Amino acid sequence: MNTKRVLPVFAIVAAMVLANCAAHQPLIVSGESLAQLGNTFVATAAAMDKALDDKVVTQDQYDKWATFGKKFQMSFPLAVRLWRVAKDSQDATLEQQAVAMVASMAADLAEFSALVGVK
């Protein structure tokens, strides 16, 4: 198992799980995780562009990244909105949906981040 791939996903998912365990502020860490996820996406985008220019990744790998990137850019604002609604309403079901959405996005992003060495 490649630890470079697993550790970023594990860190984000662990932060969200810990956030859900903390009864007094369950969504604050998830909000921080969202910010970290957004920052990781930006860093990965820059690294993927450079990797393509440097011929470290193939055009096919980059095309897969581009497809994912468009999906991520549409999904990320929705995840943020869902998180805010869950936070404001203190709705456990919405909170679980937000956590699941972010965890899925983080897992998909981790594949590309690991490819270009973004931590």
N, C-alpha and C. Protein backbone atom coordinates (compact mmCIF):
# COMPACT_ATOMS: atom_id res chain seq x y z
N MET A 1 0.84 -1.17 0.00
CA MET A 1 0.00 0.00 0.00
C MET A 1 0.89 1.24 0.00
N ASN A 2 0.57 2.20 -0.81
CA ASN A 2 1.36 3.42 -0.95
C ASN A 2 0.95 4.41 0.14
N THR A 3 1.83 4.67 1.09
CA THR A 3 1.49 5.56 2.20
C THR A 3 1.32 7.00 1.75
N LYS A 4 1.97 7.39 0.66
CA LYS A 4 1.79 8.75 0.16
C LYS A 4 0.34 8.98 -0.27
N ARG A 5 -0.34 7.95 -0.73
CA ARG A 5 -1.73 8.06 -1.15
C ARG A 5 -2.67 8.00 0.04
N VAL A 6 -2.35 7.16 1.00
CA VAL A 6 -3.26 6.89 2.10
C VAL A 6 -3.23 8.00 3.15
N LEU A 7 -2.07 8.54 3.46
CA LEU A 7 -1.96 9.50 4.56
C LEU A 7 -2.78 10.77 4.36
N PRO A 8 -2.78 11.42 3.18
CA PRO A 8 -3.60 12.63 3.05
C PRO A 8 -5.09 12.34 3.23
N VAL A 9 -5.56 11.24 2.66
CA VAL A 9 -6.96 10.88 2.80
C VAL A 9 -7.26 10.55 4.25
N PHE A 10 -6.38 9.78 4.88
CA PHE A 10 -6.59 9.40 6.27
C PHE A 10 -6.66 10.63 7.16
N ALA A 11 -5.78 11.59 6.93
CA ALA A 11 -5.76 12.80 7.77
C ALA A 11 -7.07 13.57 7.66
N ILE A 12 -7.57 13.73 6.46
CA ILE A 12 -8.81 14.48 6.27
C ILE A 12 -9.99 13.72 6.86
N VAL A 13 -10.07 12.43 6.57
CA VAL A 13 -11.17 11.63 7.09
C VAL A 13 -11.10 11.55 8.61
N ALA A 14 -9.90 11.39 9.16
CA ALA A 14 -9.75 11.34 10.62
C ALA A 14 -10.20 12.65 11.27
N ALA A 15 -9.87 13.76 10.65
CA ALA A 15 -10.30 15.05 11.19
C ALA A 15 -11.81 15.16 11.20
N MET A 16 -12.44 14.67 10.13
CA MET A 16 -13.90 14.73 10.08
C MET A 16 -14.54 13.78 11.09
N VAL A 17 -13.95 12.61 11.27
CA VAL A 17 -14.49 11.66 12.25
C VAL A 17 -14.34 12.24 13.65
N LEU A 18 -13.19 12.81 13.94
CA LEU A 18 -13.00 13.44 15.24
C LEU A 18 -13.97 14.58 15.44
N ALA A 19 -14.23 15.32 14.37
CA ALA A 19 -15.19 16.42 14.47
C ALA A 19 -16.57 15.90 14.84
N ASN A 20 -16.95 14.78 14.26
CA ASN A 20 -18.26 14.22 14.57
C ASN A 20 -18.34 13.67 15.98
N CYS A 21 -17.21 13.29 16.55
CA CYS A 21 -17.19 12.77 17.91
C CYS A 21 -17.27 13.89 18.95
N ALA A 22 -16.87 15.06 18.58
CA ALA A 22 -16.88 16.18 19.52
C ALA A 22 -18.27 16.80 19.54
N ALA A 23 -19.02 16.53 20.57
CA ALA A 23 -20.42 16.94 20.63
C ALA A 23 -20.61 18.45 20.67
N HIS A 24 -19.69 19.18 21.26
CA HIS A 24 -19.90 20.61 21.42
C HIS A 24 -19.61 21.43 20.17
N GLN A 25 -18.72 20.99 19.30
CA GLN A 25 -18.42 21.73 18.08
C GLN A 25 -18.16 20.76 16.92
N PRO A 26 -19.17 20.02 16.50
CA PRO A 26 -18.91 18.96 15.53
C PRO A 26 -18.55 19.44 14.14
N LEU A 27 -18.91 20.63 13.76
CA LEU A 27 -18.68 21.05 12.39
C LEU A 27 -17.50 22.00 12.20
N ILE A 28 -16.91 22.49 13.26
CA ILE A 28 -15.80 23.42 13.11
C ILE A 28 -14.61 22.73 12.44
N VAL A 29 -14.27 21.55 12.88
CA VAL A 29 -13.15 20.84 12.27
C VAL A 29 -13.49 20.49 10.83
N SER A 30 -14.72 20.12 10.54
CA SER A 30 -15.11 19.84 9.17
C SER A 30 -14.94 21.08 8.30
N GLY A 31 -15.25 22.24 8.86
CA GLY A 31 -15.04 23.49 8.13
C GLY A 31 -13.57 23.71 7.84
N GLU A 32 -12.73 23.40 8.82
CA GLU A 32 -11.28 23.50 8.62
C GLU A 32 -10.83 22.47 7.59
N SER A 33 -11.45 21.29 7.63
CA SER A 33 -11.12 20.26 6.65
C SER A 33 -11.51 20.71 5.24
N LEU A 34 -12.64 21.42 5.12
CA LEU A 34 -13.03 21.96 3.82
C LEU A 34 -12.00 22.95 3.32
N ALA A 35 -11.54 23.82 4.19
CA ALA A 35 -10.52 24.80 3.79
C ALA A 35 -9.24 24.08 3.36
N GLN A 36 -8.84 23.07 4.10
CA GLN A 36 -7.64 22.30 3.76
C GLN A 36 -7.83 21.58 2.43
N LEU A 37 -9.01 21.04 2.21
CA LEU A 37 -9.30 20.35 0.95
C LEU A 37 -9.20 21.32 -0.22
N GLY A 38 -9.74 22.51 -0.06
CA GLY A 38 -9.64 23.52 -1.12
C GLY A 38 -8.20 23.90 -1.40
N ASN A 39 -7.42 24.07 -0.34
CA ASN A 39 -6.00 24.41 -0.52
C ASN A 39 -5.23 23.28 -1.20
N THR A 40 -5.56 22.05 -0.84
CA THR A 40 -4.91 20.90 -1.47
C THR A 40 -5.26 20.83 -2.95
N PHE A 41 -6.50 21.15 -3.29
CA PHE A 41 -6.90 21.15 -4.70
C PHE A 41 -6.10 22.19 -5.48
N VAL A 42 -5.97 23.38 -4.94
CA VAL A 42 -5.21 24.44 -5.62
C VAL A 42 -3.75 24.03 -5.81
N ALA A 43 -3.15 23.47 -4.76
CA ALA A 43 -1.75 23.03 -4.85
C ALA A 43 -1.60 21.89 -5.86
N THR A 44 -2.55 20.99 -5.87
CA THR A 44 -2.50 19.87 -6.80
C THR A 44 -2.66 20.35 -8.24
N ALA A 45 -3.53 21.31 -8.45
CA ALA A 45 -3.72 21.86 -9.80
C ALA A 45 -2.42 22.46 -10.33
N ALA A 46 -1.75 23.23 -9.51
CA ALA A 46 -0.47 23.82 -9.92
C ALA A 46 0.57 22.74 -10.19
N ALA A 47 0.62 21.74 -9.32
CA ALA A 47 1.59 20.66 -9.47
C ALA A 47 1.29 19.81 -10.71
N MET A 48 0.03 19.59 -11.00
CA MET A 48 -0.34 18.82 -12.20
C MET A 48 0.05 19.58 -13.46
N ASP A 49 -0.18 20.89 -13.48
CA ASP A 49 0.22 21.70 -14.64
C ASP A 49 1.73 21.60 -14.86
N LYS A 50 2.48 21.74 -13.77
CA LYS A 50 3.94 21.65 -13.87
C LYS A 50 4.37 20.25 -14.29
N ALA A 51 3.73 19.24 -13.74
CA ALA A 51 4.07 17.86 -14.08
C ALA A 51 3.82 17.56 -15.56
N LEU A 52 2.76 18.14 -16.11
CA LEU A 52 2.50 17.96 -17.53
C LEU A 52 3.57 18.67 -18.35
N ASP A 53 3.90 19.90 -17.98
CA ASP A 53 4.94 20.65 -18.69
C ASP A 53 6.28 19.92 -18.64
N ASP A 54 6.57 19.33 -17.48
CA ASP A 54 7.85 18.63 -17.29
C ASP A 54 7.80 17.18 -17.78
N LYS A 55 6.67 16.79 -18.33
CA LYS A 55 6.46 15.43 -18.86
C LYS A 55 6.61 14.35 -17.77
N VAL A 56 6.21 14.69 -16.56
CA VAL A 56 6.21 13.75 -15.44
C VAL A 56 4.92 12.92 -15.47
N VAL A 57 3.84 13.54 -15.94
CA VAL A 57 2.58 12.83 -16.11
C VAL A 57 2.25 12.78 -17.60
N THR A 58 1.50 11.78 -17.98
CA THR A 58 1.11 11.64 -19.38
C THR A 58 -0.09 12.55 -19.68
N GLN A 59 -0.34 12.73 -20.95
CA GLN A 59 -1.51 13.52 -21.34
C GLN A 59 -2.79 12.84 -20.86
N ASP A 60 -2.83 11.52 -20.90
CA ASP A 60 -4.00 10.78 -20.42
C ASP A 60 -4.23 11.02 -18.93
N GLN A 61 -3.16 10.98 -18.14
CA GLN A 61 -3.28 11.26 -16.70
C GLN A 61 -3.78 12.68 -16.48
N TYR A 62 -3.25 13.60 -17.27
CA TYR A 62 -3.67 14.99 -17.11
C TYR A 62 -5.12 15.19 -17.52
N ASP A 63 -5.54 14.50 -18.57
CA ASP A 63 -6.93 14.60 -19.02
C ASP A 63 -7.88 14.08 -17.93
N LYS A 64 -7.49 13.00 -17.26
CA LYS A 64 -8.29 12.49 -16.14
C LYS A 64 -8.35 13.52 -15.02
N TRP A 65 -7.22 14.17 -14.77
CA TRP A 65 -7.17 15.22 -13.76
C TRP A 65 -8.11 16.37 -14.16
N ALA A 66 -8.05 16.78 -15.41
CA ALA A 66 -8.89 17.89 -15.87
C ALA A 66 -10.37 17.57 -15.70
N THR A 67 -10.76 16.35 -16.01
CA THR A 67 -12.15 15.94 -15.82
C THR A 67 -12.52 15.99 -14.35
N PHE A 68 -11.65 15.44 -13.50
CA PHE A 68 -11.89 15.48 -12.06
C PHE A 68 -11.94 16.93 -11.57
N GLY A 69 -11.01 17.75 -12.05
CA GLY A 69 -10.95 19.15 -11.60
C GLY A 69 -12.23 19.91 -11.88
N LYS A 70 -12.81 19.70 -13.03
CA LYS A 70 -14.09 20.37 -13.35
C LYS A 70 -15.18 19.90 -12.40
N LYS A 71 -15.22 18.61 -12.15
CA LYS A 71 -16.22 18.06 -11.23
C LYS A 71 -16.00 18.62 -9.82
N PHE A 72 -14.75 18.65 -9.39
CA PHE A 72 -14.43 19.16 -8.06
C PHE A 72 -14.86 20.62 -7.93
N GLN A 73 -14.56 21.42 -8.95
CA GLN A 73 -14.90 22.84 -8.89
C GLN A 73 -16.40 23.08 -8.82
N MET A 74 -17.18 22.17 -9.37
CA MET A 74 -18.64 22.30 -9.26
C MET A 74 -19.13 21.76 -7.92
N SER A 75 -18.51 20.72 -7.41
CA SER A 75 -18.95 20.07 -6.18
C SER A 75 -18.52 20.79 -4.91
N PHE A 76 -17.36 21.40 -4.94
CA PHE A 76 -16.81 22.01 -3.72
C PHE A 76 -17.73 23.09 -3.15
N PRO A 77 -18.22 24.03 -3.96
CA PRO A 77 -19.13 25.02 -3.39
C PRO A 77 -20.41 24.39 -2.81
N LEU A 78 -20.88 23.32 -3.42
CA LEU A 78 -22.05 22.62 -2.88
C LEU A 78 -21.74 22.01 -1.53
N ALA A 79 -20.54 21.44 -1.40
CA ALA A 79 -20.14 20.86 -0.11
C ALA A 79 -20.06 21.94 0.96
N VAL A 80 -19.54 23.09 0.60
CA VAL A 80 -19.45 24.21 1.55
C VAL A 80 -20.84 24.65 1.97
N ARG A 81 -21.74 24.79 1.01
CA ARG A 81 -23.11 25.20 1.34
C ARG A 81 -23.81 24.17 2.22
N LEU A 82 -23.64 22.90 1.89
CA LEU A 82 -24.24 21.84 2.70
C LEU A 82 -23.69 21.88 4.12
N TRP A 83 -22.39 22.09 4.24
CA TRP A 83 -21.77 22.19 5.57
C TRP A 83 -22.36 23.36 6.36
N ARG A 84 -22.51 24.50 5.68
CA ARG A 84 -23.06 25.69 6.38
C ARG A 84 -24.49 25.45 6.83
N VAL A 85 -25.31 24.85 5.98
CA VAL A 85 -26.69 24.55 6.36
C VAL A 85 -26.72 23.58 7.53
N ALA A 86 -25.89 22.56 7.48
CA ALA A 86 -25.84 21.59 8.59
C ALA A 86 -25.39 22.26 9.88
N LYS A 87 -24.41 23.14 9.75
CA LYS A 87 -23.91 23.86 10.93
C LYS A 87 -24.99 24.76 11.51
N ASP A 88 -25.63 25.53 10.65
CA ASP A 88 -26.64 26.48 11.11
C ASP A 88 -27.86 25.79 11.70
N SER A 89 -28.24 24.67 11.12
CA SER A 89 -29.45 23.99 11.57
C SER A 89 -29.18 22.92 12.63
N GLN A 90 -27.89 22.60 12.83
CA GLN A 90 -27.52 21.53 13.75
C GLN A 90 -28.24 20.23 13.39
N ASP A 91 -28.36 19.98 12.09
CA ASP A 91 -29.05 18.80 11.57
C ASP A 91 -28.03 17.67 11.38
N ALA A 92 -28.19 16.60 12.15
CA ALA A 92 -27.23 15.49 12.12
C ALA A 92 -27.22 14.78 10.77
N THR A 93 -28.37 14.67 10.13
CA THR A 93 -28.43 14.01 8.83
C THR A 93 -27.68 14.82 7.78
N LEU A 94 -27.88 16.12 7.76
CA LEU A 94 -27.15 16.97 6.82
C LEU A 94 -25.66 16.95 7.12
N GLU A 95 -25.33 16.90 8.40
CA GLU A 95 -23.92 16.83 8.78
C GLU A 95 -23.28 15.56 8.23
N GLN A 96 -23.97 14.43 8.36
CA GLN A 96 -23.46 13.17 7.83
C GLN A 96 -23.30 13.22 6.31
N GLN A 97 -24.24 13.87 5.64
CA GLN A 97 -24.16 14.00 4.19
C GLN A 97 -22.96 14.86 3.79
N ALA A 98 -22.74 15.94 4.54
CA ALA A 98 -21.61 16.83 4.24
C ALA A 98 -20.30 16.08 4.46
N VAL A 99 -20.20 15.34 5.54
CA VAL A 99 -18.98 14.58 5.83
C VAL A 99 -18.74 13.54 4.74
N ALA A 100 -19.78 12.84 4.33
CA ALA A 100 -19.62 11.82 3.28
C ALA A 100 -19.19 12.46 1.96
N MET A 101 -19.77 13.60 1.63
CA MET A 101 -19.42 14.28 0.39
C MET A 101 -17.96 14.73 0.40
N VAL A 102 -17.53 15.31 1.50
CA VAL A 102 -16.15 15.79 1.62
C VAL A 102 -15.18 14.61 1.63
N ALA A 103 -15.53 13.54 2.31
CA ALA A 103 -14.65 12.37 2.34
C ALA A 103 -14.46 11.78 0.94
N SER A 104 -15.52 11.73 0.17
CA SER A 104 -15.42 11.23 -1.19
C SER A 104 -14.55 12.12 -2.06
N MET A 105 -14.74 13.43 -1.94
CA MET A 105 -13.94 14.38 -2.70
C MET A 105 -12.46 14.27 -2.30
N ALA A 106 -12.21 14.12 -1.01
CA ALA A 106 -10.83 14.02 -0.53
C ALA A 106 -10.16 12.75 -1.04
N ALA A 107 -10.89 11.66 -1.06
CA ALA A 107 -10.32 10.40 -1.54
C ALA A 107 -9.96 10.50 -3.02
N ASP A 108 -10.85 11.10 -3.81
CA ASP A 108 -10.57 11.26 -5.24
C ASP A 108 -9.39 12.20 -5.47
N LEU A 109 -9.35 13.29 -4.72
CA LEU A 109 -8.26 14.26 -4.86
C LEU A 109 -6.92 13.65 -4.45
N ALA A 110 -6.94 12.79 -3.45
CA ALA A 110 -5.70 12.18 -2.94
C ALA A 110 -4.96 11.39 -4.02
N GLU A 111 -5.70 10.78 -4.92
CA GLU A 111 -5.05 10.03 -6.00
C GLU A 111 -4.17 10.94 -6.85
N PHE A 112 -4.69 12.11 -7.19
CA PHE A 112 -3.93 13.04 -8.01
C PHE A 112 -2.83 13.73 -7.21
N SER A 113 -3.13 14.06 -5.97
CA SER A 113 -2.13 14.71 -5.11
C SER A 113 -0.92 13.80 -4.93
N ALA A 114 -1.18 12.50 -4.71
CA ALA A 114 -0.08 11.55 -4.55
C ALA A 114 0.73 11.40 -5.84
N LEU A 115 0.05 11.49 -6.96
CA LEU A 115 0.70 11.35 -8.26
C LEU A 115 1.79 12.42 -8.45
N VAL A 116 1.52 13.62 -7.94
CA VAL A 116 2.47 14.73 -8.14
C VAL A 116 3.16 15.16 -6.85
N GLY A 117 2.98 14.39 -5.77
CA GLY A 117 3.71 14.64 -4.54
C GLY A 117 3.20 15.77 -3.67
N VAL A 118 1.94 16.14 -3.80
CA VAL A 118 1.36 17.18 -2.94
C VAL A 118 0.92 16.52 -1.65
N LYS A 119 1.32 17.12 -0.53
CA LYS A 119 0.97 16.57 0.78
C LYS A 119 -0.19 17.32 1.37
